Every structure is written in C-alpha cells, then in structure tokens.
Amino acid sequence: MPETVAIIGAGPLGRWLALAAARAGFRVLLEDVMPTNLHHAQEWLRGELGPEALPNVAFVATIEEAVRDADLAIDCVPDELESKLEILWLLDRMGPPRTVLATPTTRLSIADLANCTYRPEKCIAIVAEAASLTGKAETGTENREILLRTTAKTSAETVTLLKRFWRQLGFIPVFDGEAGGC
C-alpha cells in the first residue's frame, strides 16, 4: 500500500486527487510549477479538509522534493506527448526506484511512454478524463470504476499497489492492457 503519494500539478485534477488521497489517510505531496496554483490549492484544500486534516498534505516547490519519498507519483500535466514525456523523464530520474509512476491519459500509449523510462514495469495509465473522474466522486455515482491501462512490462507489484490505492479512494479498479499487455 502506498503511504506517500506525490501529485504533480495542482489544477482541478491534482487538487481533487490530493483531497481524496488525504481523506483516505495517505501522506500527500502536492507540487506545481506555478506558485499561484499551489496557493489556490492550499486554500481550497483548507476549506475541504479543515485545518486539522491539512497536515496530511504538504505543498512543495519542486518535483524532486515531491517524489523524494514517494511510493506513488501521479502527474496531472496536460495530456500531450511532450508534456508527458518531460514529466515522466523527471519523475523517473528523481524518484527512488520503488516509486510507481501513474499518468492520466486518454490519448497516449502507456507502453510507448513507459519505454522512455528506466522503470517501464512501474508505469501505468489512468484512463479517465479529469471531469469524468472527479464527477463520479463528487456525485457519488454508483459505478465508480476507474480504468487503468497496463503494458506487457507492468509488474504484478505495480498492479497490486494501484488496486489498493484506488480501492482506498472508493473506486473499483479495472485493468486492461495495450496490445500484448497484461
């Protein structure tokens, strides 16, 4: 079970993931390249969690600080090839070897992205639009499935970690694999 979750990007999806993970008992490190985004996220989370629960969330200024102790790193950058390649490159090089890298994408191949890292066995895609994901959580939709995409190289340990994480957040993880994936 991941204990520390790094979330890169404090926009709507990043804020929601930080809230859900903190409520589920995880230590959350939230990073954004824009200080104003972090400030807005801090104010929003303070309103949602209250000051007593806010210590579960740390607001950090660098990716390195966010992933230094992370068991799971989730990027919330735009779903564009250049953005995803850059963030995965940084997370791969700055995170400890145990860190699993999860990336929300509906358009890009997780197999191709994972092959650009030194840890393809620890890469997985979250296949959901941000609005869809947060909408299911906010409305209490009964079908709270979350689609996760693996590759042929995704390890069983990575799948287990993501299953536990999403179940703790109240979702039902459903896995599929890209061509040849597990």
N, C-alpha and C. Protein backbone atom coordinates (compact mmCIF):
# COMPACT_ATOMS: atom_id res chain seq x y z
N MET A 1 0.85 -1.18 0.00
CA MET A 1 0.00 0.00 0.00
C MET A 1 0.89 1.23 0.00
N PRO A 2 0.65 2.15 -0.89
CA PRO A 2 1.46 3.37 -0.86
C PRO A 2 1.13 4.18 0.39
N GLU A 3 2.13 4.72 0.99
CA GLU A 3 1.92 5.60 2.13
C GLU A 3 2.06 7.05 1.73
N THR A 4 2.98 7.33 0.81
CA THR A 4 3.24 8.69 0.36
C THR A 4 2.95 8.79 -1.12
N VAL A 5 2.10 9.76 -1.47
CA VAL A 5 1.69 9.97 -2.85
C VAL A 5 2.14 11.37 -3.27
N ALA A 6 2.92 11.43 -4.34
CA ALA A 6 3.30 12.71 -4.93
C ALA A 6 2.34 13.01 -6.07
N ILE A 7 1.79 14.21 -6.06
CA ILE A 7 0.89 14.63 -7.13
C ILE A 7 1.51 15.85 -7.78
N ILE A 8 1.77 15.74 -9.06
CA ILE A 8 2.44 16.80 -9.80
C ILE A 8 1.39 17.54 -10.63
N GLY A 9 1.14 18.77 -10.23
CA GLY A 9 0.12 19.58 -10.89
C GLY A 9 -1.02 19.84 -9.93
N ALA A 10 -1.26 21.11 -9.60
CA ALA A 10 -2.27 21.47 -8.61
C ALA A 10 -3.52 22.09 -9.25
N GLY A 11 -3.78 21.71 -10.50
CA GLY A 11 -5.02 22.14 -11.14
C GLY A 11 -6.19 21.35 -10.57
N PRO A 12 -7.34 21.38 -11.23
CA PRO A 12 -8.53 20.71 -10.69
C PRO A 12 -8.32 19.22 -10.39
N LEU A 13 -7.71 18.46 -11.30
CA LEU A 13 -7.50 17.04 -11.05
C LEU A 13 -6.50 16.82 -9.93
N GLY A 14 -5.41 17.56 -9.93
CA GLY A 14 -4.41 17.43 -8.87
C GLY A 14 -4.98 17.76 -7.50
N ARG A 15 -5.76 18.83 -7.42
CA ARG A 15 -6.40 19.19 -6.14
C ARG A 15 -7.35 18.10 -5.69
N TRP A 16 -8.16 17.59 -6.62
CA TRP A 16 -9.12 16.55 -6.25
C TRP A 16 -8.39 15.30 -5.77
N LEU A 17 -7.33 14.87 -6.49
CA LEU A 17 -6.57 13.70 -6.08
C LEU A 17 -5.93 13.91 -4.71
N ALA A 18 -5.41 15.10 -4.46
CA ALA A 18 -4.81 15.41 -3.16
C ALA A 18 -5.86 15.30 -2.06
N LEU A 19 -7.04 15.82 -2.31
CA LEU A 19 -8.14 15.74 -1.34
C LEU A 19 -8.53 14.29 -1.08
N ALA A 20 -8.76 13.53 -2.15
CA ALA A 20 -9.19 12.14 -2.00
C ALA A 20 -8.13 11.31 -1.29
N ALA A 21 -6.88 11.49 -1.65
CA ALA A 21 -5.79 10.72 -1.03
C ALA A 21 -5.62 11.10 0.44
N ALA A 22 -5.70 12.38 0.76
CA ALA A 22 -5.58 12.81 2.15
C ALA A 22 -6.73 12.26 2.99
N ARG A 23 -7.94 12.31 2.45
CA ARG A 23 -9.09 11.76 3.17
C ARG A 23 -8.95 10.25 3.38
N ALA A 24 -8.27 9.57 2.46
CA ALA A 24 -8.08 8.12 2.57
C ALA A 24 -6.90 7.77 3.48
N GLY A 25 -6.24 8.77 4.03
CA GLY A 25 -5.17 8.53 5.00
C GLY A 25 -3.76 8.54 4.46
N PHE A 26 -3.59 8.91 3.20
CA PHE A 26 -2.25 8.95 2.63
C PHE A 26 -1.56 10.27 2.96
N ARG A 27 -0.25 10.24 3.01
CA ARG A 27 0.56 11.46 3.07
C ARG A 27 0.67 11.94 1.63
N VAL A 28 0.34 13.21 1.39
CA VAL A 28 0.30 13.76 0.04
C VAL A 28 1.29 14.90 -0.09
N LEU A 29 2.07 14.85 -1.17
CA LEU A 29 2.98 15.95 -1.51
C LEU A 29 2.49 16.51 -2.84
N LEU A 30 2.01 17.75 -2.81
CA LEU A 30 1.43 18.38 -3.99
C LEU A 30 2.40 19.42 -4.52
N GLU A 31 2.73 19.30 -5.82
CA GLU A 31 3.69 20.21 -6.45
C GLU A 31 3.05 20.82 -7.68
N ASP A 32 3.42 22.07 -7.94
CA ASP A 32 3.03 22.73 -9.18
C ASP A 32 4.12 23.74 -9.52
N VAL A 33 4.39 23.88 -10.80
CA VAL A 33 5.41 24.81 -11.26
C VAL A 33 4.99 26.26 -11.01
N MET A 34 3.69 26.48 -10.90
CA MET A 34 3.16 27.84 -10.67
C MET A 34 2.80 28.03 -9.19
N PRO A 35 3.50 28.90 -8.49
CA PRO A 35 3.20 29.13 -7.06
C PRO A 35 1.75 29.53 -6.81
N THR A 36 1.13 30.26 -7.74
CA THR A 36 -0.27 30.66 -7.52
C THR A 36 -1.20 29.44 -7.54
N ASN A 37 -0.89 28.45 -8.37
CA ASN A 37 -1.69 27.22 -8.38
C ASN A 37 -1.60 26.51 -7.04
N LEU A 38 -0.40 26.46 -6.47
CA LEU A 38 -0.24 25.84 -5.15
C LEU A 38 -1.00 26.61 -4.09
N HIS A 39 -0.95 27.93 -4.16
CA HIS A 39 -1.67 28.75 -3.19
C HIS A 39 -3.18 28.52 -3.28
N HIS A 40 -3.71 28.49 -4.50
CA HIS A 40 -5.15 28.23 -4.68
C HIS A 40 -5.51 26.83 -4.18
N ALA A 41 -4.65 25.87 -4.46
CA ALA A 41 -4.90 24.50 -3.99
C ALA A 41 -4.90 24.45 -2.46
N GLN A 42 -3.96 25.15 -1.85
CA GLN A 42 -3.89 25.16 -0.39
C GLN A 42 -5.16 25.76 0.22
N GLU A 43 -5.63 26.85 -0.33
CA GLU A 43 -6.86 27.48 0.17
C GLU A 43 -8.06 26.55 -0.03
N TRP A 44 -8.17 25.93 -1.20
CA TRP A 44 -9.28 25.04 -1.49
C TRP A 44 -9.26 23.83 -0.57
N LEU A 45 -8.08 23.23 -0.40
CA LEU A 45 -7.97 22.05 0.46
C LEU A 45 -8.24 22.41 1.93
N ARG A 46 -7.82 23.58 2.35
CA ARG A 46 -8.11 24.01 3.72
C ARG A 46 -9.62 24.08 3.93
N GLY A 47 -10.34 24.58 2.92
CA GLY A 47 -11.80 24.65 3.01
C GLY A 47 -12.44 23.27 3.01
N GLU A 48 -11.90 22.34 2.25
CA GLU A 48 -12.46 21.00 2.14
C GLU A 48 -12.09 20.10 3.32
N LEU A 49 -10.84 20.17 3.75
CA LEU A 49 -10.35 19.26 4.78
C LEU A 49 -10.42 19.85 6.19
N GLY A 50 -10.37 21.16 6.26
CA GLY A 50 -10.27 21.80 7.57
C GLY A 50 -8.82 21.78 8.03
N PRO A 51 -8.48 22.68 8.92
CA PRO A 51 -7.08 22.81 9.33
C PRO A 51 -6.51 21.56 10.01
N GLU A 52 -7.37 20.76 10.67
CA GLU A 52 -6.86 19.58 11.38
C GLU A 52 -6.36 18.50 10.44
N ALA A 53 -6.92 18.40 9.25
CA ALA A 53 -6.51 17.35 8.32
C ALA A 53 -5.44 17.84 7.33
N LEU A 54 -5.24 19.14 7.24
CA LEU A 54 -4.29 19.69 6.29
C LEU A 54 -2.86 19.20 6.50
N PRO A 55 -2.44 18.82 7.71
CA PRO A 55 -1.08 18.30 7.83
C PRO A 55 -0.80 17.05 7.01
N ASN A 56 -1.83 16.34 6.55
CA ASN A 56 -1.62 15.19 5.65
C ASN A 56 -1.13 15.62 4.28
N VAL A 57 -1.23 16.92 3.97
CA VAL A 57 -0.85 17.43 2.66
C VAL A 57 0.27 18.45 2.83
N ALA A 58 1.35 18.23 2.08
CA ALA A 58 2.45 19.20 2.05
C ALA A 58 2.48 19.82 0.66
N PHE A 59 2.71 21.10 0.60
CA PHE A 59 2.79 21.84 -0.66
C PHE A 59 4.26 22.11 -0.92
N VAL A 60 4.78 21.54 -1.99
CA VAL A 60 6.22 21.61 -2.24
C VAL A 60 6.50 22.34 -3.54
N ALA A 61 7.69 22.91 -3.63
CA ALA A 61 8.04 23.79 -4.75
C ALA A 61 8.73 23.08 -5.90
N THR A 62 9.24 21.86 -5.68
CA THR A 62 9.97 21.18 -6.75
C THR A 62 9.51 19.74 -6.91
N ILE A 63 9.67 19.22 -8.10
CA ILE A 63 9.35 17.82 -8.36
C ILE A 63 10.24 16.93 -7.52
N GLU A 64 11.50 17.28 -7.42
CA GLU A 64 12.44 16.48 -6.63
C GLU A 64 11.96 16.33 -5.18
N GLU A 65 11.52 17.42 -4.60
CA GLU A 65 11.01 17.38 -3.23
C GLU A 65 9.74 16.54 -3.13
N ALA A 66 8.91 16.59 -4.16
CA ALA A 66 7.65 15.83 -4.16
C ALA A 66 7.89 14.33 -4.22
N VAL A 67 8.81 13.88 -5.06
CA VAL A 67 8.97 12.44 -5.28
C VAL A 67 10.06 11.80 -4.43
N ARG A 68 10.80 12.58 -3.71
CA ARG A 68 11.93 12.06 -2.92
C ARG A 68 11.56 10.83 -2.08
N ASP A 69 10.40 10.85 -1.45
CA ASP A 69 9.97 9.75 -0.58
C ASP A 69 8.69 9.08 -1.07
N ALA A 70 8.31 9.32 -2.32
CA ALA A 70 7.02 8.85 -2.82
C ALA A 70 7.03 7.37 -3.16
N ASP A 71 5.95 6.71 -2.78
CA ASP A 71 5.70 5.34 -3.20
C ASP A 71 4.97 5.35 -4.54
N LEU A 72 4.16 6.39 -4.75
CA LEU A 72 3.37 6.54 -5.96
C LEU A 72 3.45 8.00 -6.40
N ALA A 73 3.73 8.24 -7.67
CA ALA A 73 3.74 9.60 -8.23
C ALA A 73 2.71 9.65 -9.36
N ILE A 74 1.81 10.62 -9.27
CA ILE A 74 0.78 10.80 -10.28
C ILE A 74 0.96 12.18 -10.88
N ASP A 75 1.15 12.23 -12.20
CA ASP A 75 1.27 13.54 -12.84
C ASP A 75 -0.10 14.01 -13.30
N CYS A 76 -0.32 15.29 -13.20
CA CYS A 76 -1.58 15.88 -13.67
C CYS A 76 -1.26 17.00 -14.65
N VAL A 77 -0.36 16.71 -15.57
CA VAL A 77 0.02 17.66 -16.60
C VAL A 77 -0.87 17.43 -17.82
N PRO A 78 -0.88 18.37 -18.76
CA PRO A 78 -1.71 18.20 -19.95
C PRO A 78 -1.42 16.88 -20.68
N ASP A 79 -2.46 16.32 -21.27
CA ASP A 79 -2.37 15.04 -21.98
C ASP A 79 -1.82 15.26 -23.38
N GLU A 80 -0.58 15.73 -23.42
CA GLU A 80 0.13 15.99 -24.67
C GLU A 80 1.46 15.26 -24.60
N LEU A 81 1.90 14.73 -25.71
CA LEU A 81 3.10 13.90 -25.74
C LEU A 81 4.31 14.58 -25.11
N GLU A 82 4.59 15.81 -25.49
CA GLU A 82 5.78 16.49 -24.96
C GLU A 82 5.70 16.69 -23.45
N SER A 83 4.54 17.08 -22.96
CA SER A 83 4.36 17.29 -21.52
C SER A 83 4.54 15.98 -20.76
N LYS A 84 3.92 14.91 -21.26
CA LYS A 84 4.01 13.62 -20.59
C LYS A 84 5.44 13.07 -20.61
N LEU A 85 6.12 13.18 -21.75
CA LEU A 85 7.50 12.70 -21.82
C LEU A 85 8.40 13.47 -20.85
N GLU A 86 8.23 14.78 -20.79
CA GLU A 86 9.07 15.58 -19.90
C GLU A 86 8.82 15.24 -18.43
N ILE A 87 7.57 15.14 -18.03
CA ILE A 87 7.28 14.87 -16.62
C ILE A 87 7.69 13.46 -16.23
N LEU A 88 7.45 12.49 -17.10
CA LEU A 88 7.87 11.12 -16.77
C LEU A 88 9.39 11.01 -16.70
N TRP A 89 10.08 11.72 -17.56
CA TRP A 89 11.55 11.75 -17.53
C TRP A 89 12.02 12.27 -16.18
N LEU A 90 11.43 13.38 -15.72
CA LEU A 90 11.81 13.96 -14.43
C LEU A 90 11.47 13.04 -13.26
N LEU A 91 10.25 12.51 -13.26
CA LEU A 91 9.84 11.62 -12.17
C LEU A 91 10.71 10.37 -12.12
N ASP A 92 11.02 9.83 -13.28
CA ASP A 92 11.84 8.62 -13.37
C ASP A 92 13.23 8.86 -12.78
N ARG A 93 13.82 9.99 -13.06
CA ARG A 93 15.17 10.26 -12.60
C ARG A 93 15.25 10.75 -11.16
N MET A 94 14.20 11.38 -10.67
CA MET A 94 14.24 11.96 -9.33
C MET A 94 13.62 11.07 -8.26
N GLY A 95 12.73 10.17 -8.65
CA GLY A 95 12.08 9.30 -7.67
C GLY A 95 12.94 8.11 -7.33
N PRO A 96 12.80 7.59 -6.11
CA PRO A 96 13.54 6.37 -5.76
C PRO A 96 13.06 5.19 -6.61
N PRO A 97 13.85 4.14 -6.72
CA PRO A 97 13.49 3.01 -7.58
C PRO A 97 12.13 2.39 -7.28
N ARG A 98 11.65 2.48 -6.05
CA ARG A 98 10.37 1.84 -5.70
C ARG A 98 9.16 2.64 -6.20
N THR A 99 9.35 3.89 -6.59
CA THR A 99 8.23 4.76 -6.94
C THR A 99 7.53 4.30 -8.22
N VAL A 100 6.21 4.11 -8.10
CA VAL A 100 5.37 3.78 -9.25
C VAL A 100 4.94 5.08 -9.91
N LEU A 101 4.96 5.12 -11.24
CA LEU A 101 4.59 6.31 -11.99
C LEU A 101 3.24 6.08 -12.66
N ALA A 102 2.25 6.89 -12.32
CA ALA A 102 0.91 6.78 -12.91
C ALA A 102 0.62 8.08 -13.65
N THR A 103 0.09 7.94 -14.85
CA THR A 103 -0.18 9.13 -15.66
C THR A 103 -1.58 9.07 -16.25
N PRO A 104 -2.41 10.06 -15.98
CA PRO A 104 -3.72 10.11 -16.62
C PRO A 104 -3.56 10.42 -18.11
N THR A 105 -4.12 9.58 -18.96
CA THR A 105 -4.09 9.84 -20.40
C THR A 105 -5.24 9.10 -21.07
N THR A 106 -5.84 9.75 -22.03
CA THR A 106 -6.87 9.09 -22.83
C THR A 106 -6.41 8.96 -24.28
N ARG A 107 -5.27 9.60 -24.60
CA ARG A 107 -4.84 9.66 -25.99
C ARG A 107 -3.51 8.98 -26.27
N LEU A 108 -2.67 8.84 -25.26
CA LEU A 108 -1.30 8.38 -25.48
C LEU A 108 -1.11 6.93 -25.06
N SER A 109 -0.15 6.27 -25.67
CA SER A 109 0.16 4.88 -25.37
C SER A 109 1.03 4.80 -24.12
N ILE A 110 0.55 4.11 -23.11
CA ILE A 110 1.36 3.94 -21.90
C ILE A 110 2.58 3.07 -22.20
N ALA A 111 2.46 2.14 -23.12
CA ALA A 111 3.62 1.32 -23.48
C ALA A 111 4.74 2.19 -24.06
N ASP A 112 4.38 3.11 -24.94
CA ASP A 112 5.39 4.00 -25.51
C ASP A 112 5.98 4.92 -24.45
N LEU A 113 5.13 5.48 -23.60
CA LEU A 113 5.62 6.36 -22.53
C LEU A 113 6.52 5.60 -21.56
N ALA A 114 6.08 4.41 -21.15
CA ALA A 114 6.85 3.61 -20.19
C ALA A 114 8.21 3.23 -20.74
N ASN A 115 8.28 2.97 -22.05
CA ASN A 115 9.55 2.58 -22.66
C ASN A 115 10.56 3.72 -22.69
N CYS A 116 10.12 4.93 -22.38
CA CYS A 116 11.03 6.08 -22.31
C CYS A 116 11.57 6.27 -20.89
N THR A 117 11.28 5.34 -20.00
CA THR A 117 11.76 5.42 -18.62
C THR A 117 12.70 4.26 -18.33
N TYR A 118 13.36 4.34 -17.17
CA TYR A 118 14.20 3.24 -16.71
C TYR A 118 13.39 2.23 -15.90
N ARG A 119 12.10 2.50 -15.72
CA ARG A 119 11.24 1.63 -14.92
C ARG A 119 9.91 1.34 -15.61
N PRO A 120 9.94 0.77 -16.80
CA PRO A 120 8.68 0.52 -17.51
C PRO A 120 7.75 -0.41 -16.74
N GLU A 121 8.30 -1.27 -15.90
CA GLU A 121 7.48 -2.18 -15.10
C GLU A 121 6.69 -1.46 -14.01
N LYS A 122 7.04 -0.20 -13.75
CA LYS A 122 6.37 0.58 -12.71
C LYS A 122 5.56 1.74 -13.28
N CYS A 123 5.19 1.64 -14.55
CA CYS A 123 4.39 2.68 -15.20
C CYS A 123 3.00 2.14 -15.52
N ILE A 124 2.01 3.00 -15.33
CA ILE A 124 0.63 2.61 -15.57
C ILE A 124 -0.17 3.85 -15.97
N ALA A 125 -1.17 3.68 -16.79
CA ALA A 125 -2.01 4.80 -17.22
C ALA A 125 -3.33 4.78 -16.48
N ILE A 126 -3.79 5.96 -16.13
CA ILE A 126 -5.13 6.17 -15.58
C ILE A 126 -5.95 6.67 -16.77
N VAL A 127 -6.86 5.85 -17.25
CA VAL A 127 -7.60 6.18 -18.47
C VAL A 127 -8.93 6.81 -18.07
N ALA A 128 -8.89 8.12 -17.87
CA ALA A 128 -10.10 8.84 -17.48
C ALA A 128 -9.90 10.31 -17.76
N GLU A 129 -10.94 10.95 -18.20
CA GLU A 129 -10.94 12.40 -18.32
C GLU A 129 -11.05 12.96 -16.90
N ALA A 130 -10.37 14.04 -16.63
CA ALA A 130 -10.41 14.63 -15.29
C ALA A 130 -11.84 14.91 -14.83
N ALA A 131 -12.65 15.49 -15.71
CA ALA A 131 -14.03 15.82 -15.34
C ALA A 131 -14.83 14.57 -15.02
N SER A 132 -14.59 13.51 -15.76
CA SER A 132 -15.29 12.25 -15.52
C SER A 132 -14.90 11.67 -14.17
N LEU A 133 -13.63 11.67 -13.88
CA LEU A 133 -13.13 11.10 -12.64
C LEU A 133 -13.64 11.86 -11.42
N THR A 134 -13.46 13.17 -11.43
CA THR A 134 -13.90 13.96 -10.28
C THR A 134 -15.42 14.00 -10.19
N GLY A 135 -16.10 13.96 -11.34
CA GLY A 135 -17.57 13.96 -11.34
C GLY A 135 -18.14 12.73 -10.68
N LYS A 136 -17.54 11.55 -10.94
CA LYS A 136 -18.01 10.32 -10.30
C LYS A 136 -17.86 10.41 -8.79
N ALA A 137 -16.76 10.97 -8.35
CA ALA A 137 -16.52 11.06 -6.91
C ALA A 137 -17.47 12.05 -6.26
N GLU A 138 -17.68 13.20 -6.90
CA GLU A 138 -18.50 14.24 -6.29
C GLU A 138 -19.97 13.88 -6.27
N THR A 139 -20.44 13.15 -7.27
CA THR A 139 -21.86 12.81 -7.31
C THR A 139 -22.17 11.49 -6.62
N GLY A 140 -21.12 10.79 -6.18
CA GLY A 140 -21.34 9.50 -5.53
C GLY A 140 -21.88 8.47 -6.50
N THR A 141 -21.55 8.61 -7.76
CA THR A 141 -22.01 7.68 -8.78
C THR A 141 -21.73 6.25 -8.35
N GLU A 142 -22.74 5.40 -8.50
CA GLU A 142 -22.60 4.01 -8.10
C GLU A 142 -21.49 3.31 -8.86
N ASN A 143 -21.42 3.53 -10.14
CA ASN A 143 -20.39 2.91 -10.96
C ASN A 143 -19.12 3.75 -10.87
N ARG A 144 -18.39 3.51 -9.84
CA ARG A 144 -17.17 4.28 -9.61
C ARG A 144 -15.96 3.48 -10.07
N GLU A 145 -16.06 2.96 -11.27
CA GLU A 145 -14.93 2.22 -11.82
C GLU A 145 -13.89 3.19 -12.34
N ILE A 146 -12.64 2.78 -12.22
CA ILE A 146 -11.53 3.55 -12.77
C ILE A 146 -10.74 2.59 -13.66
N LEU A 147 -10.57 2.98 -14.91
CA LEU A 147 -9.85 2.14 -15.86
C LEU A 147 -8.36 2.45 -15.78
N LEU A 148 -7.57 1.42 -15.58
CA LEU A 148 -6.12 1.53 -15.52
C LEU A 148 -5.54 0.66 -16.63
N ARG A 149 -4.60 1.22 -17.37
CA ARG A 149 -4.03 0.50 -18.51
C ARG A 149 -2.60 0.09 -18.20
N THR A 150 -2.34 -1.19 -18.42
CA THR A 150 -1.02 -1.77 -18.18
C THR A 150 -0.33 -2.01 -19.52
N THR A 151 0.91 -2.47 -19.43
CA THR A 151 1.67 -2.88 -20.62
C THR A 151 2.16 -4.31 -20.37
N ALA A 152 2.80 -4.87 -21.34
CA ALA A 152 3.37 -6.21 -21.18
C ALA A 152 4.45 -6.23 -20.10
N LYS A 153 5.02 -5.07 -19.82
CA LYS A 153 6.10 -4.98 -18.83
C LYS A 153 5.61 -4.61 -17.43
N THR A 154 4.37 -4.22 -17.27
CA THR A 154 3.86 -3.79 -15.96
C THR A 154 3.96 -4.95 -14.98
N SER A 155 4.56 -4.69 -13.82
CA SER A 155 4.75 -5.75 -12.83
C SER A 155 3.47 -5.99 -12.02
N ALA A 156 3.38 -7.19 -11.49
CA ALA A 156 2.25 -7.55 -10.62
C ALA A 156 2.25 -6.66 -9.38
N GLU A 157 3.42 -6.30 -8.89
CA GLU A 157 3.53 -5.41 -7.72
C GLU A 157 2.92 -4.04 -8.02
N THR A 158 3.15 -3.53 -9.23
CA THR A 158 2.58 -2.23 -9.63
C THR A 158 1.06 -2.32 -9.69
N VAL A 159 0.54 -3.38 -10.27
CA VAL A 159 -0.91 -3.58 -10.36
C VAL A 159 -1.51 -3.66 -8.96
N THR A 160 -0.88 -4.40 -8.07
CA THR A 160 -1.38 -4.54 -6.70
C THR A 160 -1.40 -3.20 -5.98
N LEU A 161 -0.33 -2.41 -6.12
CA LEU A 161 -0.27 -1.11 -5.47
C LEU A 161 -1.39 -0.20 -5.96
N LEU A 162 -1.61 -0.17 -7.28
CA LEU A 162 -2.66 0.69 -7.82
C LEU A 162 -4.04 0.20 -7.44
N LYS A 163 -4.26 -1.10 -7.38
CA LYS A 163 -5.55 -1.64 -6.92
C LYS A 163 -5.85 -1.15 -5.51
N ARG A 164 -4.89 -1.30 -4.65
CA ARG A 164 -5.09 -0.88 -3.24
C ARG A 164 -5.32 0.62 -3.13
N PHE A 165 -4.55 1.39 -3.87
CA PHE A 165 -4.69 2.84 -3.82
C PHE A 165 -6.10 3.26 -4.23
N TRP A 166 -6.57 2.81 -5.40
CA TRP A 166 -7.88 3.24 -5.88
C TRP A 166 -9.02 2.69 -5.02
N ARG A 167 -8.87 1.48 -4.50
CA ARG A 167 -9.89 0.95 -3.59
C ARG A 167 -9.98 1.80 -2.34
N GLN A 168 -8.85 2.23 -1.82
CA GLN A 168 -8.83 3.09 -0.63
C GLN A 168 -9.54 4.41 -0.91
N LEU A 169 -9.49 4.88 -2.16
CA LEU A 169 -10.18 6.11 -2.56
C LEU A 169 -11.66 5.87 -2.87
N GLY A 170 -12.10 4.61 -2.81
CA GLY A 170 -13.51 4.30 -3.04
C GLY A 170 -13.86 3.95 -4.47
N PHE A 171 -12.87 3.65 -5.28
CA PHE A 171 -13.10 3.29 -6.67
C PHE A 171 -12.89 1.80 -6.87
N ILE A 172 -13.45 1.29 -7.96
CA ILE A 172 -13.24 -0.12 -8.35
C ILE A 172 -12.28 -0.10 -9.52
N PRO A 173 -11.03 -0.52 -9.29
CA PRO A 173 -10.05 -0.51 -10.39
C PRO A 173 -10.32 -1.63 -11.39
N VAL A 174 -10.34 -1.27 -12.66
CA VAL A 174 -10.50 -2.22 -13.75
C VAL A 174 -9.27 -2.06 -14.64
N PHE A 175 -8.63 -3.19 -14.94
CA PHE A 175 -7.39 -3.15 -15.70
C PHE A 175 -7.59 -3.68 -17.10
N ASP A 176 -6.94 -3.04 -18.04
CA ASP A 176 -6.82 -3.59 -19.39
C ASP A 176 -5.39 -3.35 -19.83
N GLY A 177 -4.99 -4.04 -20.84
CA GLY A 177 -3.62 -3.88 -21.33
C GLY A 177 -3.61 -3.46 -22.78
N GLU A 178 -2.59 -2.71 -23.13
CA GLU A 178 -2.39 -2.37 -24.53
C GLU A 178 -1.96 -3.64 -25.25
N ALA A 179 -1.93 -3.60 -26.54
CA ALA A 179 -1.57 -4.78 -27.34
C ALA A 179 -0.41 -5.52 -26.72
N GLY A 180 -0.67 -6.72 -26.29
CA GLY A 180 0.38 -7.54 -25.67
C GLY A 180 0.53 -7.28 -24.19
N GLY A 181 -0.27 -6.35 -23.61
CA GLY A 181 -0.14 -6.04 -22.19
C GLY A 181 -0.73 -7.12 -21.31
N CYS A 182 -0.50 -6.95 -20.01
CA CYS A 182 -1.01 -7.97 -19.07
C CYS A 182 -2.45 -7.67 -18.67
